[in-house]
Amino acid sequence: MEFETVIYHKKDQVAVITLNRPSVLNAMNKQLWLDLRNALHEAAMDDDVRAVVLTGQGRAFSTGADLKDSRDRTIHQYRDYLNHLQETSRLIIRFEKPTIAAVNGYALGSGYELALACDLRIAGEGTRFGSPEAKVSSSVTGGALRLLPLLVGPGKAKELFFTSGMIDGREALRIGLVNQVVADDCLMEAAMDMARKIVPNSAFSIRLIKKGIDMAPEVSLDALMNYEIEACLATVSSPERQKALEDFQTRKVKTE
């Protein structure tokens, strides 16, 4: 499938989706959200894809909403745009396959929120994260009002939102916003290395574990532990489980 504002390619069972509006630092417009959603659907439907990496073309991951594009919108048109944004963000948050944001350059506003929606985040040292919404009389989207406090705590999240300040990759790592920070020119290599560690593992197990982690803040401990029982029973009776045990036994015999 060809896209207007993203590049989609597959390598080593990893789908790489690159935001591709470099002339405007990958600022988000309605077409980009639509293309991103369609690219994610393509990755979801491809059984050979075991993980997804999101990144940005050029000097930025994304600088957030394209303010030039939005300047003359009516309230009705703005609601339509926000609905597309939120629908795509929900898709990423609930995506059954692991998602990794390889965050390069600027990640601001809804670009920052797009990175938050992914399961894992790897940042270049020169990355700049920020939420400028309060500076331009806007508000936060993409589920970030929940996602950021879960990562850094409510106090730090409020500080970042209220001040509209920017932080670099090292500070993002220190506060738990990202999983890893690397030299800027090693970013995609690090993201692909992370994805390759995921690919050989059971897609079924990862899907159930991810679902449990995501539901944990919303349900009681008893409900979560009941889910754990059912998830474990589902995995141990799966064909993948039997093959994994056979492979383990074969490796054990060879080492004895």
C-alpha atoms as a PDB file:
ATOM      1  CA  MET A   1       0.000   0.000   0.000  1.00  0.00           C
ATOM      2  CA  GLU A   2       1.285   3.481  -0.891  1.00  0.00           C
ATOM      3  CA  PHE A   3       0.890   6.350   1.578  1.00  0.00           C
ATOM      4  CA  GLU A   4       1.040  10.104   1.131  1.00  0.00           C
ATOM      5  CA  THR A   5       2.598  11.088   4.469  1.00  0.00           C
ATOM      6  CA  VAL A   6       4.237   7.947   5.899  1.00  0.00           C
ATOM      7  CA  ILE A   7       6.760   5.406   4.625  1.00  0.00           C
ATOM      8  CA  TYR A   8       6.049   1.748   5.387  1.00  0.00           C
ATOM      9  CA  HIS A   9       8.529  -1.061   5.035  1.00  0.00           C
ATOM     10  CA  LYS A  10       9.198  -4.417   6.627  1.00  0.00           C
ATOM     11  CA  LYS A  11      12.511  -5.922   7.720  1.00  0.00           C
ATOM     12  CA  ASP A  12      13.251  -9.005   9.830  1.00  0.00           C
ATOM     13  CA  GLN A  13       9.551  -9.370  10.787  1.00  0.00           C
ATOM     14  CA  VAL A  14       9.492  -5.747  11.984  1.00  0.00           C
ATOM     15  CA  ALA A  15       7.248  -3.130  10.362  1.00  0.00           C
ATOM     16  CA  VAL A  16       8.911   0.291  10.290  1.00  0.00           C
ATOM     17  CA  ILE A  17       6.521   3.225   9.920  1.00  0.00           C
ATOM     18  CA  THR A  18       8.222   6.560   9.252  1.00  0.00           C
ATOM     19  CA  LEU A  19       6.368   9.862   9.502  1.00  0.00           C
ATOM     20  CA  ASN A  20       7.212  11.572   6.226  1.00  0.00           C
ATOM     21  CA  ARG A  21       6.541  15.314   6.208  1.00  0.00           C
ATOM     22  CA  PRO A  22      10.150  16.407   6.797  1.00  0.00           C
ATOM     23  CA  SER A  23       9.687  19.860   5.251  1.00  0.00           C
ATOM     24  CA  VAL A  24       7.422  20.759   8.209  1.00  0.00           C
ATOM     25  CA  LEU A  25       9.312  18.609  10.766  1.00  0.00           C
ATOM     26  CA  ASN A  26       6.606  15.926  10.485  1.00  0.00           C
ATOM     27  CA  ALA A  27       3.889  18.206  11.832  1.00  0.00           C
ATOM     28  CA  MET A  28       0.643  16.278  12.122  1.00  0.00           C
ATOM     29  CA  ASN A  29      -2.304  16.920   9.818  1.00  0.00           C
ATOM     30  CA  LYS A  30      -5.430  14.857   9.194  1.00  0.00           C
ATOM     31  CA  GLN A  31      -3.856  12.983   6.281  1.00  0.00           C
ATOM     32  CA  LEU A  32      -0.913  11.903   8.418  1.00  0.00           C
ATOM     33  CA  TRP A  33      -3.226  10.466  11.093  1.00  0.00           C
ATOM     34  CA  LEU A  34      -5.202   8.622   8.398  1.00  0.00           C
ATOM     35  CA  ASP A  35      -2.056   7.245   6.760  1.00  0.00           C
ATOM     36  CA  LEU A  36      -0.631   6.222  10.119  1.00  0.00           C
ATOM     37  CA  ARG A  37      -3.833   4.386  10.991  1.00  0.00           C
ATOM     38  CA  ASN A  38      -3.857   2.552   7.653  1.00  0.00           C
ATOM     39  CA  ALA A  39      -0.194   1.599   8.009  1.00  0.00           C
ATOM     40  CA  LEU A  40      -0.893   0.206  11.481  1.00  0.00           C
ATOM     41  CA  HIS A  41      -3.813  -1.805  10.104  1.00  0.00           C
ATOM     42  CA  GLU A  42      -1.482  -3.242   7.459  1.00  0.00           C
ATOM     43  CA  ALA A  43       1.012  -4.264  10.168  1.00  0.00           C
ATOM     44  CA  ALA A  44      -1.774  -5.727  12.294  1.00  0.00           C
ATOM     45  CA  MET A  45      -3.073  -7.882   9.434  1.00  0.00           C
ATOM     46  CA  ASP A  46       0.358  -9.208   8.443  1.00  0.00           C
ATOM     47  CA  ASP A  47       1.064 -12.372  10.453  1.00  0.00           C
ATOM     48  CA  ASP A  48       4.753 -12.080   9.567  1.00  0.00           C
ATOM     49  CA  VAL A  49       5.012  -8.763  11.451  1.00  0.00           C
ATOM     50  CA  ARG A  50       5.923  -9.357  15.101  1.00  0.00           C
ATOM     51  CA  ALA A  51       6.765  -5.782  16.175  1.00  0.00           C
ATOM     52  CA  VAL A  52       6.358  -2.209  14.918  1.00  0.00           C
ATOM     53  CA  VAL A  53       8.858   0.666  15.029  1.00  0.00           C
ATOM     54  CA  LEU A  54       7.642   4.262  14.606  1.00  0.00           C
ATOM     55  CA  THR A  55      10.072   7.051  13.753  1.00  0.00           C
ATOM     56  CA  GLY A  56      10.292  10.367  11.901  1.00  0.00           C
ATOM     57  CA  GLN A  57      11.962  11.289   8.634  1.00  0.00           C
ATOM     58  CA  GLY A  58      14.585  14.025   8.821  1.00  0.00           C
ATOM     59  CA  ARG A  59      15.280  16.260  11.813  1.00  0.00           C
ATOM     60  CA  ALA A  60      12.220  15.459  13.936  1.00  0.00           C
ATOM     61  CA  PHE A  61      10.030  12.672  15.189  1.00  0.00           C
ATOM     62  CA  SER A  62       7.134  15.142  15.024  1.00  0.00           C
ATOM     63  CA  THR A  63       6.659  18.726  16.158  1.00  0.00           C
ATOM     64  CA  GLY A  64       2.975  18.090  16.841  1.00  0.00           C
ATOM     65  CA  ALA A  65      -0.103  19.586  15.239  1.00  0.00           C
ATOM     66  CA  ASP A  66       0.389  21.527  12.031  1.00  0.00           C
ATOM     67  CA  LEU A  67      -0.773  24.942  13.248  1.00  0.00           C
ATOM     68  CA  LYS A  68      -0.787  26.388   9.724  1.00  0.00           C
ATOM     69  CA  ASP A  69      -3.141  23.595   8.660  1.00  0.00           C
ATOM     70  CA  SER A  70      -5.425  24.199  11.644  1.00  0.00           C
ATOM     71  CA  ARG A  71      -5.560  28.004  11.629  1.00  0.00           C
ATOM     72  CA  ASP A  72      -8.759  28.328   9.588  1.00  0.00           C
ATOM     73  CA  ARG A  73     -10.636  25.250  10.847  1.00  0.00           C
ATOM     74  CA  THR A  74     -14.156  25.610  12.116  1.00  0.00           C
ATOM     75  CA  ILE A  75     -15.006  24.007  15.457  1.00  0.00           C
ATOM     76  CA  HIS A  76     -16.753  21.208  13.550  1.00  0.00           C
ATOM     77  CA  GLN A  77     -13.644  20.595  11.428  1.00  0.00           C
ATOM     78  CA  TYR A  78     -11.446  20.685  14.519  1.00  0.00           C
ATOM     79  CA  ARG A  79     -13.628  18.089  16.237  1.00  0.00           C
ATOM     80  CA  ASP A  80     -13.337  15.874  13.152  1.00  0.00           C
ATOM     81  CA  TYR A  81      -9.530  16.234  13.221  1.00  0.00           C
ATOM     82  CA  LEU A  82      -9.367  15.456  16.947  1.00  0.00           C
ATOM     83  CA  ASN A  83     -11.561  12.390  16.493  1.00  0.00           C
ATOM     84  CA  HIS A  84      -9.121  11.053  13.876  1.00  0.00           C
ATOM     85  CA  LEU A  85      -6.186  11.825  16.187  1.00  0.00           C
ATOM     86  CA  GLN A  86      -7.796  10.064  19.140  1.00  0.00           C
ATOM     87  CA  GLU A  87      -8.900   7.073  17.086  1.00  0.00           C
ATOM     88  CA  THR A  88      -5.361   6.507  15.806  1.00  0.00           C
ATOM     89  CA  SER A  89      -3.930   7.005  19.299  1.00  0.00           C
ATOM     90  CA  ARG A  90      -6.345   4.395  20.691  1.00  0.00           C
ATOM     91  CA  LEU A  91      -5.261   2.017  17.956  1.00  0.00           C
ATOM     92  CA  ILE A  92      -1.602   2.396  18.969  1.00  0.00           C
ATOM     93  CA  ILE A  93      -2.301   2.122  22.700  1.00  0.00           C
ATOM     94  CA  ARG A  94      -4.390  -1.031  22.180  1.00  0.00           C
ATOM     95  CA  PHE A  95      -2.258  -2.473  19.385  1.00  0.00           C
ATOM     96  CA  GLU A  96      -1.774  -6.185  20.024  1.00  0.00           C
ATOM     97  CA  LYS A  97       1.788  -6.287  18.697  1.00  0.00           C
ATOM     98  CA  PRO A  98       4.654  -4.525  20.537  1.00  0.00           C
ATOM     99  CA  THR A  99       5.298  -0.956  19.396  1.00  0.00           C
ATOM    100  CA  ILE A 100       8.592   0.913  19.730  1.00  0.00           C
ATOM    101  CA  ALA A 101       8.996   4.660  19.216  1.00  0.00           C
ATOM    102  CA  ALA A 102      12.452   5.526  17.859  1.00  0.00           C
ATOM    103  CA  VAL A 103      12.336   9.200  18.818  1.00  0.00           C
ATOM    104  CA  ASN A 104      14.617  11.511  16.851  1.00  0.00           C
ATOM    105  CA  GLY A 105      15.005  15.270  17.054  1.00  0.00           C
ATOM    106  CA  TYR A 106      11.917  17.106  18.279  1.00  0.00           C
ATOM    107  CA  ALA A 107       8.952  15.260  19.793  1.00  0.00           C
ATOM    108  CA  LEU A 108       6.481  17.976  20.697  1.00  0.00           C
ATOM    109  CA  GLY A 109       2.745  18.117  21.423  1.00  0.00           C
ATOM    110  CA  SER A 110       0.873  15.364  19.637  1.00  0.00           C
ATOM    111  CA  GLY A 111       4.212  14.044  18.368  1.00  0.00           C
ATOM    112  CA  TYR A 112       5.299  13.616  21.991  1.00  0.00           C
ATOM    113  CA  GLU A 113       1.929  11.999  22.713  1.00  0.00           C
ATOM    114  CA  LEU A 114       2.393   9.600  19.795  1.00  0.00           C
ATOM    115  CA  ALA A 115       5.631   8.375  21.395  1.00  0.00           C
ATOM    116  CA  LEU A 116       3.839   7.979  24.742  1.00  0.00           C
ATOM    117  CA  ALA A 117       1.217   5.755  23.096  1.00  0.00           C
ATOM    118  CA  CYS A 118       3.883   3.216  22.108  1.00  0.00           C
ATOM    119  CA  ASP A 119       4.922   0.388  24.422  1.00  0.00           C
ATOM    120  CA  LEU A 120       8.620   1.273  24.426  1.00  0.00           C
ATOM    121  CA  ARG A 121      10.572   4.434  23.656  1.00  0.00           C
ATOM    122  CA  ILE A 122      14.186   4.767  22.546  1.00  0.00           C
ATOM    123  CA  ALA A 123      15.510   8.310  22.188  1.00  0.00           C
ATOM    124  CA  GLY A 124      18.544   9.907  20.644  1.00  0.00           C
ATOM    125  CA  GLU A 125      20.683  12.025  22.956  1.00  0.00           C
ATOM    126  CA  GLY A 126      19.710  15.122  20.989  1.00  0.00           C
ATOM    127  CA  THR A 127      15.966  14.463  21.216  1.00  0.00           C
ATOM    128  CA  ARG A 128      13.839  17.220  22.712  1.00  0.00           C
ATOM    129  CA  PHE A 129      10.518  16.270  24.323  1.00  0.00           C
ATOM    130  CA  GLY A 130       7.948  18.922  25.168  1.00  0.00           C
ATOM    131  CA  SER A 131       4.269  19.741  25.603  1.00  0.00           C
ATOM    132  CA  PRO A 132       3.760  23.329  24.412  1.00  0.00           C
ATOM    133  CA  GLU A 133      -0.051  23.188  24.606  1.00  0.00           C
ATOM    134  CA  ALA A 134      -0.340  25.576  27.569  1.00  0.00           C
ATOM    135  CA  LYS A 135       1.764  28.138  25.678  1.00  0.00           C
ATOM    136  CA  VAL A 136      -0.622  28.215  22.715  1.00  0.00           C
ATOM    137  CA  SER A 137      -3.909  27.943  24.627  1.00  0.00           C
ATOM    138  CA  SER A 138      -4.497  24.310  23.693  1.00  0.00           C
ATOM    139  CA  SER A 139      -4.812  21.049  25.620  1.00  0.00           C
ATOM    140  CA  VAL A 140      -3.365  17.553  25.679  1.00  0.00           C
ATOM    141  CA  THR A 141      -4.593  14.648  23.535  1.00  0.00           C
ATOM    142  CA  GLY A 142      -3.639  11.086  22.641  1.00  0.00           C
ATOM    143  CA  GLY A 143      -4.328   9.684  26.096  1.00  0.00           C
ATOM    144  CA  ALA A 144      -1.297  11.541  27.445  1.00  0.00           C
ATOM    145  CA  LEU A 145      -3.160  12.744  30.553  1.00  0.00           C
ATOM    146  CA  ARG A 146      -3.064   9.113  31.668  1.00  0.00           C
ATOM    147  CA  LEU A 147       0.038   7.814  29.892  1.00  0.00           C
ATOM    148  CA  LEU A 148       2.562  10.390  31.103  1.00  0.00           C
ATOM    149  CA  PRO A 149       1.633  10.197  34.832  1.00  0.00           C
ATOM    150  CA  LEU A 150       1.887   6.398  34.659  1.00  0.00           C
ATOM    151  CA  LEU A 151       5.471   6.745  33.418  1.00  0.00           C
ATOM    152  CA  VAL A 152       6.834   9.650  35.458  1.00  0.00           C
ATOM    153  CA  GLY A 153       4.296  10.150  38.273  1.00  0.00           C
ATOM    154  CA  PRO A 154       1.528  12.757  38.545  1.00  0.00           C
ATOM    155  CA  GLY A 155       3.720  15.475  40.066  1.00  0.00           C
ATOM    156  CA  LYS A 156       6.358  15.341  37.330  1.00  0.00           C
ATOM    157  CA  ALA A 157       3.670  15.063  34.644  1.00  0.00           C
ATOM    158  CA  LYS A 158       1.988  18.229  35.931  1.00  0.00           C
ATOM    159  CA  GLU A 159       5.329  20.032  35.967  1.00  0.00           C
ATOM    160  CA  LEU A 160       6.025  19.081  32.353  1.00  0.00           C
ATOM    161  CA  PHE A 161       2.512  20.016  31.193  1.00  0.00           C
ATOM    162  CA  PHE A 162       2.187  23.225  33.243  1.00  0.00           C
ATOM    163  CA  THR A 163       5.603  24.700  32.376  1.00  0.00           C
ATOM    164  CA  SER A 164       5.637  23.626  28.708  1.00  0.00           C
ATOM    165  CA  GLY A 165       9.361  23.088  29.194  1.00  0.00           C
ATOM    166  CA  MET A 166      11.477  20.781  27.030  1.00  0.00           C
ATOM    167  CA  ILE A 167      13.727  17.964  28.229  1.00  0.00           C
ATOM    168  CA  ASP A 168      16.465  16.097  26.397  1.00  0.00           C
ATOM    169  CA  GLY A 169      16.957  12.373  25.953  1.00  0.00           C
ATOM    170  CA  ARG A 170      19.142  11.996  29.061  1.00  0.00           C
ATOM    171  CA  GLU A 171      16.584  13.677  31.310  1.00  0.00           C
ATOM    172  CA  ALA A 172      13.815  11.625  29.696  1.00  0.00           C
ATOM    173  CA  LEU A 173      15.718   8.475  30.652  1.00  0.00           C
ATOM    174  CA  ARG A 174      16.330   9.702  34.205  1.00  0.00           C
ATOM    175  CA  ILE A 175      12.634  10.298  34.904  1.00  0.00           C
ATOM    176  CA  GLY A 176      11.488   7.056  33.253  1.00  0.00           C
ATOM    177  CA  LEU A 177       9.945   8.580  30.134  1.00  0.00           C
ATOM    178  CA  VAL A 178      12.099   6.472  27.798  1.00  0.00           C
ATOM    179  CA  ASN A 179      13.561   2.971  28.064  1.00  0.00           C
ATOM    180  CA  GLN A 180      16.891   3.770  26.471  1.00  0.00           C
ATOM    181  CA  VAL A 181      18.904   6.725  25.182  1.00  0.00           C
ATOM    182  CA  VAL A 182      21.587   6.321  22.524  1.00  0.00           C
ATOM    183  CA  ALA A 183      23.754   8.443  20.258  1.00  0.00           C
ATOM    184  CA  ASP A 184      21.587  10.079  17.621  1.00  0.00           C
ATOM    185  CA  ASP A 185      23.230   8.192  14.756  1.00  0.00           C
ATOM    186  CA  CYS A 186      22.626   4.840  16.517  1.00  0.00           C
ATOM    187  CA  LEU A 187      18.889   5.358  17.086  1.00  0.00           C
ATOM    188  CA  MET A 188      17.385   3.087  14.427  1.00  0.00           C
ATOM    189  CA  GLU A 189      20.015   0.418  15.054  1.00  0.00           C
ATOM    190  CA  ALA A 190      19.047   0.406  18.753  1.00  0.00           C
ATOM    191  CA  ALA A 191      15.321   0.304  17.956  1.00  0.00           C
ATOM    192  CA  MET A 192      15.774  -2.610  15.553  1.00  0.00           C
ATOM    193  CA  ASP A 193      17.960  -4.431  18.089  1.00  0.00           C
ATOM    194  CA  MET A 194      15.159  -4.091  20.638  1.00  0.00           C
ATOM    195  CA  ALA A 195      12.599  -5.329  18.123  1.00  0.00           C
ATOM    196  CA  ARG A 196      14.776  -8.324  17.210  1.00  0.00           C
ATOM    197  CA  LYS A 197      14.861  -9.355  20.876  1.00  0.00           C
ATOM    198  CA  ILE A 198      11.044  -9.393  20.850  1.00  0.00           C
ATOM    199  CA  VAL A 199      10.477 -11.130  17.496  1.00  0.00           C
ATOM    200  CA  PRO A 200      11.526 -14.694  18.502  1.00  0.00           C
ATOM    201  CA  ASN A 201       9.245 -14.752  21.544  1.00  0.00           C
ATOM    202  CA  SER A 202       5.649 -15.981  21.588  1.00  0.00           C
ATOM    203  CA  ALA A 203       3.375 -13.414  19.961  1.00  0.00           C
ATOM    204  CA  PHE A 204       0.447 -14.943  21.863  1.00  0.00           C
ATOM    205  CA  SER A 205       2.185 -14.594  25.229  1.00  0.00           C
ATOM    206  CA  ILE A 206       3.225 -11.017  24.513  1.00  0.00           C
ATOM    207  CA  ARG A 207      -0.315 -10.108  23.444  1.00  0.00           C
ATOM    208  CA  LEU A 208      -1.777 -11.440  26.705  1.00  0.00           C
ATOM    209  CA  ILE A 209       0.945  -9.886  28.883  1.00  0.00           C
ATOM    210  CA  LYS A 210       0.497  -6.513  27.177  1.00  0.00           C
ATOM    211  CA  LYS A 211      -3.272  -6.678  27.691  1.00  0.00           C
ATOM    212  CA  GLY A 212      -2.792  -7.443  31.389  1.00  0.00           C
ATOM    213  CA  ILE A 213      -0.342  -4.579  31.927  1.00  0.00           C
ATOM    214  CA  ASP A 214      -2.669  -2.144  30.160  1.00  0.00           C
ATOM    215  CA  MET A 215      -5.729  -3.220  32.168  1.00  0.00           C
ATOM    216  CA  ALA A 216      -3.877  -3.263  35.523  1.00  0.00           C
ATOM    217  CA  PRO A 217      -4.501   0.429  36.438  1.00  0.00           C
ATOM    218  CA  GLU A 218      -8.217   0.107  35.668  1.00  0.00           C
ATOM    219  CA  VAL A 219      -9.264  -3.079  37.492  1.00  0.00           C
ATOM    220  CA  SER A 220      -9.064  -4.488  41.007  1.00  0.00           C
ATOM    221  CA  LEU A 221      -6.143  -6.681  42.058  1.00  0.00           C
ATOM    222  CA  ASP A 222      -8.491  -9.673  42.283  1.00  0.00           C
ATOM    223  CA  ALA A 223      -9.772  -9.089  38.747  1.00  0.00           C
ATOM    224  CA  LEU A 224      -6.215  -8.745  37.470  1.00  0.00           C
ATOM    225  CA  MET A 225      -5.080 -11.948  39.184  1.00  0.00           C
ATOM    226  CA  ASN A 226      -8.093 -13.825  37.797  1.00  0.00           C
ATOM    227  CA  TYR A 227      -7.078 -12.580  34.347  1.00  0.00           C
ATOM    228  CA  GLU A 228      -3.551 -13.875  34.990  1.00  0.00           C
ATOM    229  CA  ILE A 229      -4.949 -17.362  35.621  1.00  0.00           C
ATOM    230  CA  GLU A 230      -6.937 -17.366  32.391  1.00  0.00           C
ATOM    231  CA  ALA A 231      -4.039 -15.927  30.377  1.00  0.00           C
ATOM    232  CA  CYS A 232      -1.668 -18.556  31.746  1.00  0.00           C
ATOM    233  CA  LEU A 233      -4.103 -21.376  30.974  1.00  0.00           C
ATOM    234  CA  ALA A 234      -4.585 -20.039  27.449  1.00  0.00           C
ATOM    235  CA  THR A 235      -0.839 -20.017  26.806  1.00  0.00           C
ATOM    236  CA  VAL A 236      -0.002 -23.421  28.274  1.00  0.00           C
ATOM    237  CA  SER A 237      -2.600 -25.123  26.072  1.00  0.00           C
ATOM    238  CA  SER A 238      -1.459 -23.393  22.876  1.00  0.00           C
ATOM    239  CA  PRO A 239       0.507 -25.073  20.040  1.00  0.00           C
ATOM    240  CA  GLU A 240       3.269 -22.486  20.590  1.00  0.00           C
ATOM    241  CA  ARG A 241       3.718 -23.759  24.140  1.00  0.00           C
ATOM    242  CA  GLN A 242       4.174 -27.354  23.048  1.00  0.00           C
ATOM    243  CA  LYS A 243       6.753 -26.393  20.425  1.00  0.00           C
ATOM    244  CA  ALA A 244       8.603 -24.178  22.935  1.00  0.00           C
ATOM    245  CA  LEU A 245       8.813 -27.065  25.424  1.00  0.00           C
ATOM    246  CA  GLU A 246      10.068 -29.427  22.721  1.00  0.00           C
ATOM    247  CA  ASP A 247      12.716 -26.895  21.649  1.00  0.00           C
ATOM    248  CA  PHE A 248      13.761 -26.383  25.275  1.00  0.00           C
ATOM    249  CA  GLN A 249      14.104 -30.119  25.827  1.00  0.00           C
ATOM    250  CA  THR A 250      16.175 -30.467  22.642  1.00  0.00           C
ATOM    251  CA  ARG A 251      18.544 -27.688  23.773  1.00  0.00           C
ATOM    252  CA  LYS A 252      18.815 -29.262  27.232  1.00  0.00           C
ATOM    253  CA  VAL A 253      19.761 -32.677  25.821  1.00  0.00           C
ATOM    254  CA  LYS A 254      22.424 -31.112  23.588  1.00  0.00           C
ATOM    255  CA  THR A 255      24.060 -29.349  26.549  1.00  0.00           C
ATOM    256  CA  GLU A 256      24.116 -32.425  28.812  1.00  0.00           C
END
